Structure formats: C-alpha cells, structure tokens
Amino acid sequence: MNPTQADSMQGLTLWKVFWGGEIRPAAVFRGTDKVYDPGMASPSAVDVAAFILAGGKSTRMGVDKAFIDYGGRTLLARALDLARSVTPDVRIVGSQQKFAAFAPVVEDIFCNCGPLGGIHAALRSSPAELNIMLAVDMPFLSWALLQYLISQARNAPEAAVIVPRSDERRQPLCAIYRSEFADKAESALRAGHNRIDRLFDEVRTRVIEPQDLAGGGFSPAIFRNLNTPEDMKADKRRA
C-alpha cells in the first residue's frame, strides 16, 4: 500500500499518493463526496505528447514570459514539469536557439501566425494520438486537470479536439488535439485565417462545459494566464 497524505484547498481535500518517488494527486474530495478520481491513470502515458507553446512575442509583458520567475521557478520550468508528469514526450514550440537547452523544440512552419501556427507545427511533428497543447503563461493548471482531459479524450475517440470552456470562452491553449486537426489548421493558415476557435465548428469537437469542470472539482481560476506586469501584481495581491 502506498503511503498517502491529504491537503486542504478552498474546501477541497486533495489526496496524494507517493508514486515512483513523486507525490501525485490520487483523488479529490469535497467534504466526504468524491468529485474527481483519476483512478489508476498511468503516471506516464505513451500515447500522449505534450507541447508547451512558448513562441509568443510577449509584447504586453515587456519581457519573454517563458523566463519570468513565478514562485521561485520560471513559467517555462513549471509548464515543463507539469507536462512531464503525464507523458515522457514533451516538446517546446518556439525558437530552437532560445529553448533547445530545456527540451526538444518544434519551430513553426507558418511563421508569425500566432498560436494556431504553433499547434499546426506541433501536430505535424507528433507521432502521438493525443496531443496536449499548453500555453507557457498558465501556471495554475494541474496534473489532475490534464488527467481529466486525457480521460475525456479517450472516451471521445471521434473528437478531433477536446477543449474546456470556462467563463463563456473555450480554452484552446489548454486542450487536446488529434493529428487530423492539422489539416484544417493548415488550410486556414494558407488562407490567412489564424483564429483557432473558428475551426472548432469545422471538426468534431468535444467541449467540456463549466458544469462538467465544476463537477470534477476544477475552478475557472485554473485557466488564468499571466499576460502583463499588472496580471503578475494582481496575482501576488490574491496570494
């Protein structure tokens, strides 16, 4: 029997299990009712690849967001650690020169086309069935959420995209894509259309609604990103 421990956070109890020398979430409870249980989910899924989208210009932040210190670690280090907790196949989408020291790098095929260009390049490079796309500036995402998305993807094999919706917006930079989405992305990029969410209506998309996320114990705040120095200051005030 693996030793366990429990932490309390905003009315939730997060049970953790010591797994392979690391502490991993095992189940989440509110009071005595289980909210979400990853069960026996593999700690490292070989049919999953994860991509950290770090190619943005960080114009509003003024400095490269990937290397901003947040709680003693850079946003890039946090994102890499999170991605590696669910799969050994983790890559950075961005500049080879800038990021090669940290992980394998995928560079855009269609340059200066925003996140859709990064997603397209990632999918073209990936041998995996399920591809997690994560923005580098979302430090509040969790292992439990990624496992939840993976389980939703496996239960919807017909879906090209599995994307959560929070605060009335879909979250395309914390979503799972199958390789077939690359064809739609390439057609859009060649036509000069760079919006990701407009393509969701052209493929089979599994949208995870806010009530489903809430039922799993996930707060909308988990999708918060850090775009500006003001965002950083506001987050410190909240903390």
C-alpha atoms as a PDB file:
ATOM      1  CA  MET A   1       0.000   0.000   0.000  1.00  0.00           C
ATOM      2  CA  ASN A   2       1.449   3.377  -0.991  1.00  0.00           C
ATOM      3  CA  PRO A   3       1.537   5.991   1.777  1.00  0.00           C
ATOM      4  CA  THR A   4      -0.840   8.891   1.241  1.00  0.00           C
ATOM      5  CA  GLN A   5      -1.274  12.393   2.538  1.00  0.00           C
ATOM      6  CA  ALA A   6      -4.060  14.964   2.337  1.00  0.00           C
ATOM      7  CA  ASP A   7      -4.033  18.712   1.719  1.00  0.00           C
ATOM      8  CA  SER A   8      -6.984  21.081   2.087  1.00  0.00           C
ATOM      9  CA  MET A   9      -7.538  23.808  -0.505  1.00  0.00           C
ATOM     10  CA  GLN A  10     -10.632  26.013  -0.906  1.00  0.00           C
ATOM     11  CA  GLY A  11     -12.970  23.482   0.659  1.00  0.00           C
ATOM     12  CA  LEU A  12     -11.436  20.527  -1.202  1.00  0.00           C
ATOM     13  CA  THR A  13      -9.339  17.729   0.153  1.00  0.00           C
ATOM     14  CA  LEU A  14      -6.699  16.583  -2.277  1.00  0.00           C
ATOM     15  CA  TRP A  15      -5.439  13.111  -1.527  1.00  0.00           C
ATOM     16  CA  LYS A  16      -1.925  12.496  -2.752  1.00  0.00           C
ATOM     17  CA  VAL A  17      -0.099   9.244  -3.323  1.00  0.00           C
ATOM     18  CA  PHE A  18       3.655   8.658  -3.342  1.00  0.00           C
ATOM     19  CA  TRP A  19       4.233   7.230  -6.791  1.00  0.00           C
ATOM     20  CA  GLY A  20       7.667   6.413  -8.203  1.00  0.00           C
ATOM     21  CA  GLY A  21       9.395   8.785  -5.809  1.00  0.00           C
ATOM     22  CA  GLU A  22       6.989  11.623  -6.584  1.00  0.00           C
ATOM     23  CA  ILE A  23       3.802  12.832  -4.968  1.00  0.00           C
ATOM     24  CA  ARG A  24       0.857  12.651  -7.355  1.00  0.00           C
ATOM     25  CA  PRO A  25      -2.837  13.514  -6.841  1.00  0.00           C
ATOM     26  CA  ALA A  26      -4.910  10.379  -6.349  1.00  0.00           C
ATOM     27  CA  ALA A  27      -8.395  11.787  -5.812  1.00  0.00           C
ATOM     28  CA  VAL A  28     -10.209  14.966  -4.959  1.00  0.00           C
ATOM     29  CA  PHE A  29     -12.970  15.200  -2.359  1.00  0.00           C
ATOM     30  CA  ARG A  30     -15.338  17.952  -1.284  1.00  0.00           C
ATOM     31  CA  GLY A  31     -16.348  17.097   2.245  1.00  0.00           C
ATOM     32  CA  THR A  32     -16.958  13.343   2.055  1.00  0.00           C
ATOM     33  CA  ASP A  33     -18.076  13.236  -1.596  1.00  0.00           C
ATOM     34  CA  LYS A  34     -15.578  12.303  -4.256  1.00  0.00           C
ATOM     35  CA  VAL A  35     -15.514  14.907  -7.024  1.00  0.00           C
ATOM     36  CA  TYR A  36     -12.917  13.539  -9.439  1.00  0.00           C
ATOM     37  CA  ASP A  37     -10.807  10.414  -9.227  1.00  0.00           C
ATOM     38  CA  PRO A  38      -8.164   9.705 -11.872  1.00  0.00           C
ATOM     39  CA  GLY A  39      -8.181   6.151 -10.588  1.00  0.00           C
ATOM     40  CA  MET A  40      -5.341   4.065 -11.899  1.00  0.00           C
ATOM     41  CA  ALA A  41      -4.376   6.549 -14.626  1.00  0.00           C
ATOM     42  CA  SER A  42      -0.877   5.873 -15.859  1.00  0.00           C
ATOM     43  CA  PRO A  43       1.668   8.372 -14.488  1.00  0.00           C
ATOM     44  CA  SER A  44       3.296   8.461 -17.930  1.00  0.00           C
ATOM     45  CA  ALA A  45       1.105   7.834 -20.982  1.00  0.00           C
ATOM     46  CA  VAL A  46       2.994   6.767 -24.117  1.00  0.00           C
ATOM     47  CA  ASP A  47       0.108   7.617 -26.471  1.00  0.00           C
ATOM     48  CA  VAL A  48       0.167  11.252 -25.310  1.00  0.00           C
ATOM     49  CA  ALA A  49       2.506  14.054 -26.349  1.00  0.00           C
ATOM     50  CA  ALA A  50       2.582  17.476 -24.729  1.00  0.00           C
ATOM     51  CA  PHE A  51       3.638  20.758 -26.295  1.00  0.00           C
ATOM     52  CA  ILE A  52       4.462  23.978 -24.468  1.00  0.00           C
ATOM     53  CA  LEU A  53       3.501  26.918 -26.672  1.00  0.00           C
ATOM     54  CA  ALA A  54       6.265  29.412 -25.929  1.00  0.00           C
ATOM     55  CA  GLY A  55       6.726  31.195 -29.229  1.00  0.00           C
ATOM     56  CA  GLY A  56       4.748  34.327 -28.451  1.00  0.00           C
ATOM     57  CA  LYS A  57       6.338  37.760 -28.568  1.00  0.00           C
ATOM     58  CA  SER A  58       5.259  38.659 -25.001  1.00  0.00           C
ATOM     59  CA  THR A  59       4.561  42.208 -26.189  1.00  0.00           C
ATOM     60  CA  ARG A  60       2.237  43.092 -23.328  1.00  0.00           C
ATOM     61  CA  MET A  61       4.564  41.653 -20.688  1.00  0.00           C
ATOM     62  CA  GLY A  62       7.604  43.507 -21.998  1.00  0.00           C
ATOM     63  CA  VAL A  63       9.933  40.536 -21.406  1.00  0.00           C
ATOM     64  CA  ASP A  64       9.834  36.908 -22.510  1.00  0.00           C
ATOM     65  CA  LYS A  65       7.133  35.304 -20.377  1.00  0.00           C
ATOM     66  CA  ALA A  66       8.758  31.878 -20.563  1.00  0.00           C
ATOM     67  CA  PHE A  67      11.627  33.061 -18.357  1.00  0.00           C
ATOM     68  CA  ILE A  68       9.650  35.102 -15.841  1.00  0.00           C
ATOM     69  CA  ASP A  69      10.180  33.921 -12.277  1.00  0.00           C
ATOM     70  CA  TYR A  70       6.960  32.815 -10.615  1.00  0.00           C
ATOM     71  CA  GLY A  71       7.261  31.447  -7.097  1.00  0.00           C
ATOM     72  CA  GLY A  72      10.929  30.597  -7.472  1.00  0.00           C
ATOM     73  CA  ARG A  73      10.704  28.902 -10.884  1.00  0.00           C
ATOM     74  CA  THR A  74      10.258  30.197 -14.388  1.00  0.00           C
ATOM     75  CA  LEU A  75       6.925  29.790 -16.122  1.00  0.00           C
ATOM     76  CA  LEU A  76       8.679  27.533 -18.631  1.00  0.00           C
ATOM     77  CA  ALA A  77      10.047  25.261 -15.906  1.00  0.00           C
ATOM     78  CA  ARG A  78       6.610  25.000 -14.335  1.00  0.00           C
ATOM     79  CA  ALA A  79       4.983  24.111 -17.648  1.00  0.00           C
ATOM     80  CA  LEU A  80       7.637  21.510 -18.460  1.00  0.00           C
ATOM     81  CA  ASP A  81       7.312  19.870 -15.049  1.00  0.00           C
ATOM     82  CA  LEU A  82       3.541  19.690 -15.419  1.00  0.00           C
ATOM     83  CA  ALA A  83       3.704  18.236 -18.922  1.00  0.00           C
ATOM     84  CA  ARG A  84       6.322  15.656 -17.903  1.00  0.00           C
ATOM     85  CA  SER A  85       4.058  14.479 -15.109  1.00  0.00           C
ATOM     86  CA  VAL A  86       1.681  12.974 -17.699  1.00  0.00           C
ATOM     87  CA  THR A  87       3.946  11.972 -20.613  1.00  0.00           C
ATOM     88  CA  PRO A  88       7.640  11.480 -21.396  1.00  0.00           C
ATOM     89  CA  ASP A  89       7.134  13.078 -24.836  1.00  0.00           C
ATOM     90  CA  VAL A  90       7.315  16.803 -24.074  1.00  0.00           C
ATOM     91  CA  ARG A  91       8.407  19.452 -26.550  1.00  0.00           C
ATOM     92  CA  ILE A  92       8.540  23.218 -26.703  1.00  0.00           C
ATOM     93  CA  VAL A  93       7.029  25.079 -29.647  1.00  0.00           C
ATOM     94  CA  GLY A  94       9.207  28.109 -30.218  1.00  0.00           C
ATOM     95  CA  SER A  95      12.724  29.139 -31.162  1.00  0.00           C
ATOM     96  CA  GLN A  96      15.346  26.406 -31.371  1.00  0.00           C
ATOM     97  CA  GLN A  97      18.030  28.884 -30.411  1.00  0.00           C
ATOM     98  CA  LYS A  98      16.140  30.046 -27.339  1.00  0.00           C
ATOM     99  CA  PHE A  99      14.752  26.784 -25.969  1.00  0.00           C
ATOM    100  CA  ALA A 100      16.951  23.882 -27.139  1.00  0.00           C
ATOM    101  CA  ALA A 101      18.674  23.689 -23.751  1.00  0.00           C
ATOM    102  CA  PHE A 102      15.409  22.835 -21.986  1.00  0.00           C
ATOM    103  CA  ALA A 103      13.602  20.262 -24.164  1.00  0.00           C
ATOM    104  CA  PRO A 104      13.203  19.164 -27.791  1.00  0.00           C
ATOM    105  CA  VAL A 105      11.952  22.107 -29.843  1.00  0.00           C
ATOM    106  CA  VAL A 106       9.449  22.358 -32.696  1.00  0.00           C
ATOM    107  CA  GLU A 107       9.574  25.512 -34.809  1.00  0.00           C
ATOM    108  CA  ASP A 108       6.625  26.980 -36.695  1.00  0.00           C
ATOM    109  CA  ILE A 109       6.149  26.035 -40.333  1.00  0.00           C
ATOM    110  CA  PHE A 110       3.881  29.068 -40.820  1.00  0.00           C
ATOM    111  CA  CYS A 111       5.694  31.861 -39.014  1.00  0.00           C
ATOM    112  CA  ASN A 112       4.119  34.832 -37.234  1.00  0.00           C
ATOM    113  CA  CYS A 113       0.679  33.234 -37.281  1.00  0.00           C
ATOM    114  CA  GLY A 114       0.053  33.098 -33.549  1.00  0.00           C
ATOM    115  CA  PRO A 115      -0.867  30.007 -31.534  1.00  0.00           C
ATOM    116  CA  LEU A 116      -2.585  28.293 -34.481  1.00  0.00           C
ATOM    117  CA  GLY A 117       0.770  28.184 -36.265  1.00  0.00           C
ATOM    118  CA  GLY A 118       2.305  26.578 -33.193  1.00  0.00           C
ATOM    119  CA  ILE A 119      -0.456  23.994 -32.864  1.00  0.00           C
ATOM    120  CA  HIS A 120      -0.119  23.129 -36.556  1.00  0.00           C
ATOM    121  CA  ALA A 121       3.662  22.636 -36.287  1.00  0.00           C
ATOM    122  CA  ALA A 122       3.263  20.556 -33.127  1.00  0.00           C
ATOM    123  CA  LEU A 123       0.731  18.217 -34.713  1.00  0.00           C
ATOM    124  CA  ARG A 124       2.831  17.795 -37.856  1.00  0.00           C
ATOM    125  CA  SER A 125       5.770  16.715 -35.686  1.00  0.00           C
ATOM    126  CA  SER A 126       3.907  14.381 -33.356  1.00  0.00           C
ATOM    127  CA  PRO A 127       3.513  10.595 -33.612  1.00  0.00           C
ATOM    128  CA  ALA A 128       1.063  10.528 -30.693  1.00  0.00           C
ATOM    129  CA  GLU A 129      -2.691  10.084 -30.890  1.00  0.00           C
ATOM    130  CA  LEU A 130      -3.419  12.666 -28.199  1.00  0.00           C
ATOM    131  CA  ASN A 131      -1.572  15.963 -28.163  1.00  0.00           C
ATOM    132  CA  ILE A 132      -1.849  18.326 -25.213  1.00  0.00           C
ATOM    133  CA  MET A 133      -1.288  21.990 -26.064  1.00  0.00           C
ATOM    134  CA  LEU A 134      -0.363  24.199 -23.114  1.00  0.00           C
ATOM    135  CA  ALA A 135       0.351  27.910 -23.108  1.00  0.00           C
ATOM    136  CA  VAL A 136       3.523  28.715 -21.201  1.00  0.00           C
ATOM    137  CA  ASP A 137       1.779  31.506 -19.273  1.00  0.00           C
ATOM    138  CA  MET A 138      -0.842  29.388 -17.465  1.00  0.00           C
ATOM    139  CA  PRO A 139       0.851  28.435 -14.157  1.00  0.00           C
ATOM    140  CA  PHE A 140      -2.317  27.318 -12.355  1.00  0.00           C
ATOM    141  CA  LEU A 141      -3.027  24.216 -14.437  1.00  0.00           C
ATOM    142  CA  SER A 142      -2.753  20.927 -12.574  1.00  0.00           C
ATOM    143  CA  TRP A 143      -1.858  17.271 -13.048  1.00  0.00           C
ATOM    144  CA  ALA A 144      -5.426  16.339 -12.156  1.00  0.00           C
ATOM    145  CA  LEU A 145      -6.840  18.596 -14.878  1.00  0.00           C
ATOM    146  CA  LEU A 146      -4.562  17.118 -17.544  1.00  0.00           C
ATOM    147  CA  GLN A 147      -5.511  13.594 -16.498  1.00  0.00           C
ATOM    148  CA  TYR A 148      -9.158  14.634 -16.667  1.00  0.00           C
ATOM    149  CA  LEU A 149      -8.715  15.966 -20.214  1.00  0.00           C
ATOM    150  CA  ILE A 150      -6.903  12.795 -21.261  1.00  0.00           C
ATOM    151  CA  SER A 151      -9.715  10.635 -19.894  1.00  0.00           C
ATOM    152  CA  GLN A 152     -12.273  12.768 -21.745  1.00  0.00           C
ATOM    153  CA  ALA A 153     -10.291  12.382 -24.967  1.00  0.00           C
ATOM    154  CA  ARG A 154     -10.102   8.612 -24.629  1.00  0.00           C
ATOM    155  CA  ASN A 155     -13.852   8.495 -24.081  1.00  0.00           C
ATOM    156  CA  ALA A 156     -14.442  10.559 -27.248  1.00  0.00           C
ATOM    157  CA  PRO A 157     -12.330   8.843 -29.944  1.00  0.00           C
ATOM    158  CA  GLU A 158     -14.322  10.560 -32.692  1.00  0.00           C
ATOM    159  CA  ALA A 159     -13.378  14.056 -31.488  1.00  0.00           C
ATOM    160  CA  ALA A 160     -10.521  15.900 -33.180  1.00  0.00           C
ATOM    161  CA  VAL A 161     -10.428  18.427 -30.318  1.00  0.00           C
ATOM    162  CA  ILE A 162     -11.197  18.171 -26.627  1.00  0.00           C
ATOM    163  CA  VAL A 163     -11.414  21.670 -25.208  1.00  0.00           C
ATOM    164  CA  PRO A 164     -12.704  23.034 -21.881  1.00  0.00           C
ATOM    165  CA  ARG A 165     -14.984  26.040 -21.737  1.00  0.00           C
ATOM    166  CA  SER A 166     -14.578  28.468 -18.847  1.00  0.00           C
ATOM    167  CA  ASP A 167     -16.047  31.925 -18.249  1.00  0.00           C
ATOM    168  CA  GLU A 168     -18.018  31.543 -21.503  1.00  0.00           C
ATOM    169  CA  ARG A 169     -14.812  31.043 -23.511  1.00  0.00           C
ATOM    170  CA  ARG A 170     -13.245  27.915 -24.905  1.00  0.00           C
ATOM    171  CA  GLN A 171      -9.661  27.384 -23.802  1.00  0.00           C
ATOM    172  CA  PRO A 172      -7.749  26.309 -26.942  1.00  0.00           C
ATOM    173  CA  LEU A 173      -4.360  26.674 -25.244  1.00  0.00           C
ATOM    174  CA  CYS A 174      -5.217  24.080 -22.627  1.00  0.00           C
ATOM    175  CA  ALA A 175      -6.738  21.442 -24.863  1.00  0.00           C
ATOM    176  CA  ILE A 176      -6.104  18.117 -26.562  1.00  0.00           C
ATOM    177  CA  TYR A 177      -5.846  17.790 -30.335  1.00  0.00           C
ATOM    178  CA  ARG A 178      -5.708  14.756 -32.583  1.00  0.00           C
ATOM    179  CA  SER A 179      -3.457  14.871 -35.633  1.00  0.00           C
ATOM    180  CA  GLU A 180      -6.351  15.311 -38.071  1.00  0.00           C
ATOM    181  CA  PHE A 181      -6.782  18.879 -36.806  1.00  0.00           C
ATOM    182  CA  ALA A 182      -3.507  19.775 -38.536  1.00  0.00           C
ATOM    183  CA  ASP A 183      -5.150  19.579 -41.969  1.00  0.00           C
ATOM    184  CA  LYS A 184      -7.820  22.103 -41.002  1.00  0.00           C
ATOM    185  CA  ALA A 185      -5.213  24.304 -39.374  1.00  0.00           C
ATOM    186  CA  GLU A 186      -3.029  24.264 -42.469  1.00  0.00           C
ATOM    187  CA  SER A 187      -5.912  25.168 -44.767  1.00  0.00           C
ATOM    188  CA  ALA A 188      -6.805  28.099 -42.500  1.00  0.00           C
ATOM    189  CA  LEU A 189      -3.196  29.282 -42.235  1.00  0.00           C
ATOM    190  CA  ARG A 190      -2.731  29.173 -46.009  1.00  0.00           C
ATOM    191  CA  ALA A 191      -5.864  31.300 -46.335  1.00  0.00           C
ATOM    192  CA  GLY A 192      -4.546  33.825 -43.819  1.00  0.00           C
ATOM    193  CA  HIS A 193      -7.007  32.866 -41.072  1.00  0.00           C
ATOM    194  CA  ASN A 194      -5.257  32.489 -37.731  1.00  0.00           C
ATOM    195  CA  ARG A 195      -8.122  32.129 -35.248  1.00  0.00           C
ATOM    196  CA  ILE A 196      -8.188  28.748 -33.562  1.00  0.00           C
ATOM    197  CA  ASP A 197     -11.728  28.648 -32.223  1.00  0.00           C
ATOM    198  CA  ARG A 198     -13.381  29.242 -35.597  1.00  0.00           C
ATOM    199  CA  LEU A 199     -12.042  25.837 -36.664  1.00  0.00           C
ATOM    200  CA  PHE A 200     -13.766  24.054 -33.800  1.00  0.00           C
ATOM    201  CA  ASP A 201     -17.042  24.275 -35.715  1.00  0.00           C
ATOM    202  CA  GLU A 202     -15.424  22.557 -38.719  1.00  0.00           C
ATOM    203  CA  VAL A 203     -14.247  19.424 -36.904  1.00  0.00           C
ATOM    204  CA  ARG A 204     -15.757  17.121 -34.320  1.00  0.00           C
ATOM    205  CA  THR A 205     -15.131  18.912 -31.061  1.00  0.00           C
ATOM    206  CA  ARG A 206     -15.806  17.723 -27.534  1.00  0.00           C
ATOM    207  CA  VAL A 207     -16.391  20.816 -25.410  1.00  0.00           C
ATOM    208  CA  ILE A 208     -16.108  20.248 -21.681  1.00  0.00           C
ATOM    209  CA  GLU A 209     -18.647  22.610 -20.211  1.00  0.00           C
ATOM    210  CA  PRO A 210     -18.223  24.644 -16.997  1.00  0.00           C
ATOM    211  CA  GLN A 211     -20.635  22.422 -15.080  1.00  0.00           C
ATOM    212  CA  ASP A 212     -18.576  19.367 -16.006  1.00  0.00           C
ATOM    213  CA  LEU A 213     -15.405  21.076 -14.849  1.00  0.00           C
ATOM    214  CA  ALA A 214     -17.090  22.132 -11.630  1.00  0.00           C
ATOM    215  CA  GLY A 215     -18.279  18.560 -11.105  1.00  0.00           C
ATOM    216  CA  GLY A 216     -14.669  17.480 -11.403  1.00  0.00           C
ATOM    217  CA  GLY A 217     -13.652  19.999  -8.743  1.00  0.00           C
ATOM    218  CA  PHE A 218     -11.938  22.421 -11.142  1.00  0.00           C
ATOM    219  CA  SER A 219     -12.308  26.160 -10.615  1.00  0.00           C
ATOM    220  CA  PRO A 220     -12.384  28.623 -13.551  1.00  0.00           C
ATOM    221  CA  ALA A 221      -9.335  30.243 -11.947  1.00  0.00           C
ATOM    222  CA  ILE A 222      -7.228  27.296 -13.048  1.00  0.00           C
ATOM    223  CA  PHE A 223      -7.209  28.725 -16.593  1.00  0.00           C
ATOM    224  CA  ARG A 224      -5.953  32.142 -15.546  1.00  0.00           C
ATOM    225  CA  ASN A 225      -2.932  33.322 -17.522  1.00  0.00           C
ATOM    226  CA  LEU A 226      -0.310  35.981 -16.953  1.00  0.00           C
ATOM    227  CA  ASN A 227      -0.097  38.439 -19.845  1.00  0.00           C
ATOM    228  CA  THR A 228       1.039  41.707 -18.301  1.00  0.00           C
ATOM    229  CA  PRO A 229       3.002  43.049 -15.316  1.00  0.00           C
ATOM    230  CA  GLU A 230      -0.382  44.084 -13.910  1.00  0.00           C
ATOM    231  CA  ASP A 231      -1.505  40.433 -14.035  1.00  0.00           C
ATOM    232  CA  MET A 232       1.581  39.473 -12.043  1.00  0.00           C
ATOM    233  CA  LYS A 233       0.917  42.162  -9.451  1.00  0.00           C
ATOM    234  CA  ALA A 234      -2.761  41.199  -9.177  1.00  0.00           C
ATOM    235  CA  ASP A 235      -1.843  37.573  -8.654  1.00  0.00           C
ATOM    236  CA  LYS A 236       0.587  38.494  -5.882  1.00  0.00           C
ATOM    237  CA  ARG A 237      -2.179  40.504  -4.179  1.00  0.00           C
ATOM    238  CA  ARG A 238      -4.513  37.494  -4.403  1.00  0.00           C
ATOM    239  CA  ALA A 239      -1.817  35.261  -2.948  1.00  0.00           C
END
